[in-house]
Amino acid sequence: MQAAAPTLIRLHRKARVLELGWPDGRRAELPCEYLRVFSPSAELRGHGLPEPMLLGGKREVNITRIEPVGSYAVRLVFDDGHDSGLYSWDVLEELAHDHGRNWARYLQRLDEVGMSRDRDVVKLAALVGHYAPPKR
């Protein structure tokens, strides 16, 4: 069964939060960073990955546009250029419902590999096994 369309989709640009409301009165405020790192795009979801690809450095990301896609979804255009995720009503409902659990797991995964939410921070631990100095 397809989720009901939200009756409210409002971007709070300064706070970097997308506010959602549904016909039954439920409301959610989802940070732009959360929506970006949990984008339903193939770029992050791949084909059958158990979790989305881990993406750091998006703490300050914002949404620049919200574009309707038919009567079943919106495309969120982010200021980092990402625009390929279609957020169906089912996806938005799931992201709202699972926000706490998803976010805790995301932070855990970042910590496990030494990545940061800040775009200008590269923790040296994240380079171990991935960086080789150039050969002379």
N, C-alpha and C. Protein backbone atom coordinates (compact mmCIF):
# COMPACT_ATOMS: atom_id res chain seq x y z
N MET A 1 0.83 -1.18 0.00
CA MET A 1 0.00 0.00 0.00
C MET A 1 0.88 1.25 0.00
N GLN A 2 0.59 2.20 -0.86
CA GLN A 2 1.36 3.43 -0.94
C GLN A 2 1.00 4.35 0.21
N ALA A 3 2.02 4.98 0.77
CA ALA A 3 1.82 5.93 1.87
C ALA A 3 1.03 7.14 1.36
N ALA A 4 0.32 7.76 2.28
CA ALA A 4 -0.41 8.98 1.93
C ALA A 4 0.55 10.10 1.63
N ALA A 5 0.16 10.96 0.71
CA ALA A 5 0.97 12.13 0.39
C ALA A 5 1.01 13.07 1.59
N PRO A 6 2.16 13.65 1.86
CA PRO A 6 2.22 14.65 2.93
C PRO A 6 1.32 15.84 2.60
N THR A 7 0.71 16.41 3.60
CA THR A 7 -0.10 17.60 3.41
C THR A 7 0.74 18.86 3.64
N LEU A 8 1.95 18.66 4.16
CA LEU A 8 2.86 19.78 4.42
C LEU A 8 4.28 19.34 4.07
N ILE A 9 4.93 20.13 3.23
CA ILE A 9 6.36 19.97 2.96
C ILE A 9 6.92 21.38 2.97
N ARG A 10 7.65 21.71 4.04
CA ARG A 10 8.15 23.08 4.19
C ARG A 10 9.64 23.04 4.55
N LEU A 11 10.42 23.75 3.77
CA LEU A 11 11.85 23.84 4.03
C LEU A 11 12.14 25.02 4.94
N HIS A 12 12.84 24.75 6.02
CA HIS A 12 13.33 25.81 6.90
C HIS A 12 14.82 25.94 6.58
N ARG A 13 15.11 26.77 5.59
CA ARG A 13 16.46 26.87 5.03
C ARG A 13 17.51 27.23 6.08
N LYS A 14 17.20 28.20 6.92
CA LYS A 14 18.16 28.66 7.92
C LYS A 14 18.51 27.54 8.90
N ALA A 15 17.51 26.78 9.31
CA ALA A 15 17.72 25.67 10.25
C ALA A 15 18.17 24.39 9.54
N ARG A 16 18.09 24.38 8.20
CA ARG A 16 18.43 23.21 7.39
C ARG A 16 17.60 22.00 7.81
N VAL A 17 16.28 22.21 7.82
CA VAL A 17 15.33 21.17 8.24
C VAL A 17 14.15 21.17 7.27
N LEU A 18 13.71 19.96 6.90
CA LEU A 18 12.51 19.81 6.10
C LEU A 18 11.39 19.36 7.03
N GLU A 19 10.34 20.16 7.10
CA GLU A 19 9.19 19.85 7.95
C GLU A 19 8.14 19.14 7.10
N LEU A 20 7.64 18.04 7.63
CA LEU A 20 6.63 17.24 6.93
C LEU A 20 5.42 17.06 7.82
N GLY A 21 4.23 17.03 7.21
CA GLY A 21 3.01 16.73 7.94
C GLY A 21 2.14 15.82 7.09
N TRP A 22 1.40 14.93 7.75
CA TRP A 22 0.54 13.98 7.05
C TRP A 22 -0.92 14.19 7.44
N PRO A 23 -1.83 13.66 6.64
CA PRO A 23 -3.27 13.87 6.89
C PRO A 23 -3.72 13.41 8.28
N ASP A 24 -3.05 12.41 8.84
CA ASP A 24 -3.47 11.90 10.16
C ASP A 24 -2.91 12.71 11.32
N GLY A 25 -2.21 13.82 11.02
CA GLY A 25 -1.70 14.69 12.07
C GLY A 25 -0.24 14.46 12.44
N ARG A 26 0.34 13.38 11.94
CA ARG A 26 1.77 13.15 12.24
C ARG A 26 2.61 14.24 11.61
N ARG A 27 3.70 14.59 12.29
CA ARG A 27 4.63 15.60 11.80
C ARG A 27 6.04 15.08 12.01
N ALA A 28 6.95 15.57 11.18
CA ALA A 28 8.36 15.22 11.33
C ALA A 28 9.20 16.39 10.87
N GLU A 29 10.34 16.56 11.50
CA GLU A 29 11.34 17.53 11.06
C GLU A 29 12.61 16.75 10.77
N LEU A 30 12.98 16.70 9.50
CA LEU A 30 14.14 15.91 9.09
C LEU A 30 15.25 16.84 8.63
N PRO A 31 16.43 16.73 9.27
CA PRO A 31 17.56 17.57 8.87
C PRO A 31 17.98 17.29 7.43
N CYS A 32 18.41 18.33 6.73
CA CYS A 32 18.87 18.18 5.35
C CYS A 32 20.03 17.19 5.27
N GLU A 33 20.92 17.23 6.24
CA GLU A 33 22.04 16.28 6.26
C GLU A 33 21.53 14.85 6.27
N TYR A 34 20.55 14.56 7.10
CA TYR A 34 19.96 13.22 7.18
C TYR A 34 19.36 12.82 5.84
N LEU A 35 18.60 13.73 5.23
CA LEU A 35 17.98 13.42 3.95
C LEU A 35 19.03 13.20 2.87
N ARG A 36 20.14 13.92 2.94
CA ARG A 36 21.20 13.77 1.94
C ARG A 36 21.92 12.43 2.09
N VAL A 37 22.30 12.08 3.31
CA VAL A 37 23.09 10.85 3.50
C VAL A 37 22.22 9.60 3.39
N PHE A 38 20.90 9.76 3.47
CA PHE A 38 19.97 8.64 3.27
C PHE A 38 19.18 8.80 1.97
N SER A 39 19.77 9.48 1.00
CA SER A 39 19.13 9.66 -0.30
C SER A 39 18.77 8.31 -0.90
N PRO A 40 17.59 8.20 -1.49
CA PRO A 40 17.20 6.94 -2.13
C PRO A 40 17.84 6.75 -3.51
N SER A 41 18.79 7.58 -3.87
CA SER A 41 19.41 7.49 -5.20
C SER A 41 20.23 6.21 -5.35
N ALA A 42 20.36 5.76 -6.58
CA ALA A 42 21.18 4.57 -6.87
C ALA A 42 22.64 4.84 -6.51
N GLU A 43 23.06 6.10 -6.56
CA GLU A 43 24.42 6.49 -6.20
C GLU A 43 24.76 6.04 -4.78
N LEU A 44 23.82 6.16 -3.87
CA LEU A 44 24.06 5.77 -2.47
C LEU A 44 23.51 4.39 -2.13
N ARG A 45 22.43 4.02 -2.77
CA ARG A 45 21.77 2.75 -2.44
C ARG A 45 22.32 1.58 -3.22
N GLY A 46 22.93 1.86 -4.37
CA GLY A 46 23.47 0.78 -5.19
C GLY A 46 22.37 -0.21 -5.56
N HIS A 47 22.77 -1.41 -5.79
CA HIS A 47 21.81 -2.45 -6.14
C HIS A 47 21.84 -3.51 -5.05
N GLY A 48 20.90 -3.41 -4.13
CA GLY A 48 20.76 -4.42 -3.09
C GLY A 48 21.71 -4.26 -1.92
N LEU A 49 22.30 -3.08 -1.71
CA LEU A 49 23.16 -2.88 -0.55
C LEU A 49 22.32 -2.94 0.72
N PRO A 50 22.83 -3.57 1.77
CA PRO A 50 22.07 -3.64 3.02
C PRO A 50 21.94 -2.27 3.70
N GLU A 51 22.93 -1.39 3.48
CA GLU A 51 22.90 -0.03 4.01
C GLU A 51 23.37 0.91 2.90
N PRO A 52 22.96 2.17 2.96
CA PRO A 52 23.44 3.10 1.94
C PRO A 52 24.95 3.27 2.04
N MET A 53 25.58 3.64 0.92
CA MET A 53 27.00 3.94 0.94
C MET A 53 27.24 5.02 2.00
N LEU A 54 28.32 4.89 2.74
CA LEU A 54 28.62 5.84 3.80
C LEU A 54 29.15 7.13 3.21
N LEU A 55 28.56 8.24 3.60
CA LEU A 55 28.89 9.54 3.04
C LEU A 55 29.09 10.51 4.19
N GLY A 56 30.28 11.04 4.32
CA GLY A 56 30.57 12.01 5.37
C GLY A 56 30.63 13.42 4.81
N GLY A 57 30.93 14.38 5.67
CA GLY A 57 31.14 15.75 5.25
C GLY A 57 29.90 16.51 4.83
N LYS A 58 28.73 16.11 5.29
CA LYS A 58 27.49 16.75 4.83
C LYS A 58 26.76 17.51 5.94
N ARG A 59 27.45 17.83 7.03
CA ARG A 59 26.81 18.52 8.16
C ARG A 59 26.14 19.83 7.72
N GLU A 60 26.75 20.59 6.84
CA GLU A 60 26.24 21.91 6.44
C GLU A 60 25.42 21.89 5.16
N VAL A 61 25.13 20.72 4.60
CA VAL A 61 24.39 20.66 3.34
C VAL A 61 22.98 21.23 3.52
N ASN A 62 22.48 21.81 2.44
CA ASN A 62 21.13 22.37 2.49
C ASN A 62 20.38 21.98 1.21
N ILE A 63 19.10 22.13 1.25
CA ILE A 63 18.26 21.88 0.08
C ILE A 63 18.05 23.22 -0.62
N THR A 64 18.26 23.23 -1.94
CA THR A 64 18.05 24.47 -2.69
C THR A 64 16.70 24.50 -3.37
N ARG A 65 16.19 23.30 -3.75
CA ARG A 65 14.89 23.24 -4.42
C ARG A 65 14.17 21.95 -4.06
N ILE A 66 12.86 22.03 -4.07
CA ILE A 66 11.99 20.86 -3.91
C ILE A 66 11.12 20.82 -5.15
N GLU A 67 11.28 19.76 -5.94
CA GLU A 67 10.54 19.65 -7.20
C GLU A 67 9.54 18.51 -7.13
N PRO A 68 8.26 18.77 -7.42
CA PRO A 68 7.28 17.67 -7.43
C PRO A 68 7.58 16.71 -8.58
N VAL A 69 7.35 15.44 -8.33
CA VAL A 69 7.49 14.40 -9.36
C VAL A 69 6.16 13.66 -9.39
N GLY A 70 5.34 14.00 -10.38
CA GLY A 70 4.01 13.40 -10.46
C GLY A 70 3.26 13.64 -9.17
N SER A 71 2.46 12.65 -8.79
CA SER A 71 1.69 12.77 -7.54
C SER A 71 2.20 11.79 -6.49
N TYR A 72 3.44 11.33 -6.66
CA TYR A 72 3.96 10.29 -5.77
C TYR A 72 5.29 10.59 -5.10
N ALA A 73 5.95 11.72 -5.45
CA ALA A 73 7.29 11.95 -4.91
C ALA A 73 7.72 13.40 -5.08
N VAL A 74 8.85 13.73 -4.47
CA VAL A 74 9.54 14.99 -4.71
C VAL A 74 11.01 14.68 -4.98
N ARG A 75 11.63 15.54 -5.75
CA ARG A 75 13.07 15.49 -5.95
C ARG A 75 13.65 16.61 -5.09
N LEU A 76 14.58 16.25 -4.22
CA LEU A 76 15.26 17.25 -3.41
C LEU A 76 16.58 17.58 -4.08
N VAL A 77 16.79 18.85 -4.35
CA VAL A 77 18.03 19.31 -4.96
C VAL A 77 18.87 19.94 -3.85
N PHE A 78 20.06 19.38 -3.64
CA PHE A 78 20.94 19.82 -2.56
C PHE A 78 22.00 20.78 -3.08
N ASP A 79 22.51 21.62 -2.19
CA ASP A 79 23.49 22.61 -2.61
C ASP A 79 24.87 22.03 -2.91
N ASP A 80 25.05 20.73 -2.69
CA ASP A 80 26.31 20.09 -3.09
C ASP A 80 26.20 19.49 -4.50
N GLY A 81 25.07 19.75 -5.17
CA GLY A 81 24.87 19.28 -6.54
C GLY A 81 24.08 17.98 -6.64
N HIS A 82 23.85 17.29 -5.54
CA HIS A 82 23.10 16.03 -5.60
C HIS A 82 21.63 16.31 -5.90
N ASP A 83 21.11 15.60 -6.91
CA ASP A 83 19.71 15.81 -7.28
C ASP A 83 19.06 14.56 -7.87
N SER A 84 19.68 13.40 -7.66
CA SER A 84 19.17 12.20 -8.33
C SER A 84 18.28 11.31 -7.47
N GLY A 85 18.01 11.70 -6.25
CA GLY A 85 17.14 10.90 -5.40
C GLY A 85 15.69 11.33 -5.52
N LEU A 86 14.81 10.38 -5.78
CA LEU A 86 13.38 10.66 -5.77
C LEU A 86 12.81 10.19 -4.43
N TYR A 87 12.30 11.11 -3.66
CA TYR A 87 11.76 10.83 -2.34
C TYR A 87 10.27 10.59 -2.46
N SER A 88 9.89 9.32 -2.67
CA SER A 88 8.48 8.98 -2.77
C SER A 88 7.83 9.18 -1.40
N TRP A 89 6.52 9.17 -1.37
CA TRP A 89 5.82 9.31 -0.08
C TRP A 89 6.20 8.16 0.84
N ASP A 90 6.37 6.96 0.30
CA ASP A 90 6.80 5.81 1.11
C ASP A 90 8.18 6.05 1.72
N VAL A 91 9.10 6.57 0.91
CA VAL A 91 10.46 6.82 1.39
C VAL A 91 10.44 7.89 2.48
N LEU A 92 9.71 8.98 2.27
CA LEU A 92 9.66 10.04 3.29
C LEU A 92 9.06 9.52 4.59
N GLU A 93 8.01 8.72 4.48
CA GLU A 93 7.39 8.17 5.68
C GLU A 93 8.36 7.25 6.42
N GLU A 94 9.06 6.42 5.67
CA GLU A 94 10.04 5.51 6.28
C GLU A 94 11.19 6.28 6.93
N LEU A 95 11.69 7.29 6.24
CA LEU A 95 12.78 8.10 6.81
C LEU A 95 12.34 8.81 8.08
N ALA A 96 11.10 9.29 8.10
CA ALA A 96 10.58 9.95 9.30
C ALA A 96 10.42 8.93 10.44
N HIS A 97 9.83 7.79 10.14
CA HIS A 97 9.57 6.77 11.15
C HIS A 97 10.87 6.22 11.76
N ASP A 98 11.89 6.02 10.92
CA ASP A 98 13.13 5.39 11.36
C ASP A 98 14.26 6.37 11.63
N HIS A 99 13.94 7.65 11.74
CA HIS A 99 14.96 8.68 11.88
C HIS A 99 15.94 8.40 13.01
N GLY A 100 15.45 8.16 14.21
CA GLY A 100 16.33 7.95 15.36
C GLY A 100 17.26 6.77 15.17
N ARG A 101 16.72 5.65 14.74
CA ARG A 101 17.53 4.44 14.54
C ARG A 101 18.53 4.62 13.41
N ASN A 102 18.06 5.19 12.29
CA ASN A 102 18.94 5.41 11.15
C ASN A 102 20.10 6.34 11.52
N TRP A 103 19.78 7.41 12.23
CA TRP A 103 20.80 8.40 12.56
C TRP A 103 21.84 7.81 13.51
N ALA A 104 21.41 7.07 14.50
CA ALA A 104 22.35 6.44 15.43
C ALA A 104 23.29 5.49 14.69
N ARG A 105 22.75 4.70 13.77
CA ARG A 105 23.57 3.76 13.00
C ARG A 105 24.53 4.52 12.09
N TYR A 106 24.10 5.61 11.49
CA TYR A 106 24.96 6.43 10.63
C TYR A 106 26.15 6.96 11.44
N LEU A 107 25.89 7.52 12.61
CA LEU A 107 26.97 8.04 13.45
C LEU A 107 27.93 6.93 13.87
N GLN A 108 27.40 5.76 14.17
CA GLN A 108 28.23 4.61 14.53
C GLN A 108 29.14 4.22 13.36
N ARG A 109 28.58 4.16 12.17
CA ARG A 109 29.37 3.78 10.99
C ARG A 109 30.47 4.81 10.71
N LEU A 110 30.15 6.10 10.84
CA LEU A 110 31.18 7.14 10.66
C LEU A 110 32.32 6.92 11.63
N ASP A 111 31.97 6.68 12.88
CA ASP A 111 32.97 6.49 13.93
C ASP A 111 33.84 5.25 13.65
N GLU A 112 33.20 4.19 13.19
CA GLU A 112 33.93 2.94 12.93
C GLU A 112 35.04 3.11 11.89
N VAL A 113 34.84 3.99 10.93
CA VAL A 113 35.84 4.16 9.88
C VAL A 113 36.60 5.49 10.00
N GLY A 114 36.33 6.24 11.06
CA GLY A 114 37.07 7.48 11.29
C GLY A 114 36.69 8.61 10.36
N MET A 115 35.46 8.62 9.88
CA MET A 115 35.00 9.71 9.02
C MET A 115 34.32 10.79 9.86
N SER A 116 34.19 11.98 9.28
CA SER A 116 33.58 13.11 9.97
C SER A 116 32.35 13.60 9.22
N ARG A 117 31.45 14.23 9.96
CA ARG A 117 30.29 14.88 9.36
C ARG A 117 30.68 16.21 8.73
N ASP A 118 31.84 16.73 9.10
CA ASP A 118 32.31 18.02 8.58
C ASP A 118 33.08 17.83 7.30
N ARG A 119 32.81 18.66 6.31
CA ARG A 119 33.42 18.45 4.99
C ARG A 119 34.90 18.79 4.96
N ASP A 120 35.37 19.66 5.83
CA ASP A 120 36.78 20.05 5.79
C ASP A 120 37.64 19.24 6.75
N VAL A 121 37.08 18.18 7.30
CA VAL A 121 37.83 17.36 8.24
C VAL A 121 38.06 15.99 7.64
N VAL A 122 39.33 15.61 7.54
CA VAL A 122 39.67 14.26 7.14
C VAL A 122 40.49 13.70 8.27
N LYS A 123 39.94 12.72 8.95
CA LYS A 123 40.66 12.11 10.06
C LYS A 123 41.70 11.16 9.47
N LEU A 124 42.89 11.22 10.00
CA LEU A 124 43.97 10.37 9.49
C LEU A 124 43.60 8.90 9.55
N ALA A 125 42.84 8.50 10.54
CA ALA A 125 42.45 7.10 10.66
C ALA A 125 41.64 6.64 9.45
N ALA A 126 40.94 7.56 8.81
CA ALA A 126 40.13 7.19 7.65
C ALA A 126 40.99 6.87 6.43
N LEU A 127 42.26 7.32 6.47
CA LEU A 127 43.15 7.09 5.34
C LEU A 127 43.92 5.77 5.45
N VAL A 128 43.97 5.20 6.64
CA VAL A 128 44.73 3.97 6.84
C VAL A 128 44.21 2.89 5.91
N GLY A 129 45.11 2.34 5.14
CA GLY A 129 44.74 1.30 4.20
C GLY A 129 44.17 1.81 2.90
N HIS A 130 43.97 3.12 2.78
CA HIS A 130 43.38 3.69 1.57
C HIS A 130 44.32 4.67 0.88
N TYR A 131 45.36 5.11 1.58
CA TYR A 131 46.25 6.12 1.03
C TYR A 131 47.65 5.56 0.90
N ALA A 132 48.22 5.79 -0.25
CA ALA A 132 49.63 5.43 -0.45
C ALA A 132 50.33 6.67 -0.99
N PRO A 133 51.43 7.07 -0.35
CA PRO A 133 52.12 8.27 -0.86
C PRO A 133 52.63 8.02 -2.28
N PRO A 134 52.73 9.07 -3.08
CA PRO A 134 53.22 8.88 -4.45
C PRO A 134 54.64 8.35 -4.46
N LYS A 135 54.92 7.49 -5.43
CA LYS A 135 56.26 6.93 -5.57
C LYS A 135 57.12 7.91 -6.35
N ARG A 136 58.35 8.04 -5.94
CA ARG A 136 59.27 8.96 -6.62
C ARG A 136 60.10 8.26 -7.63
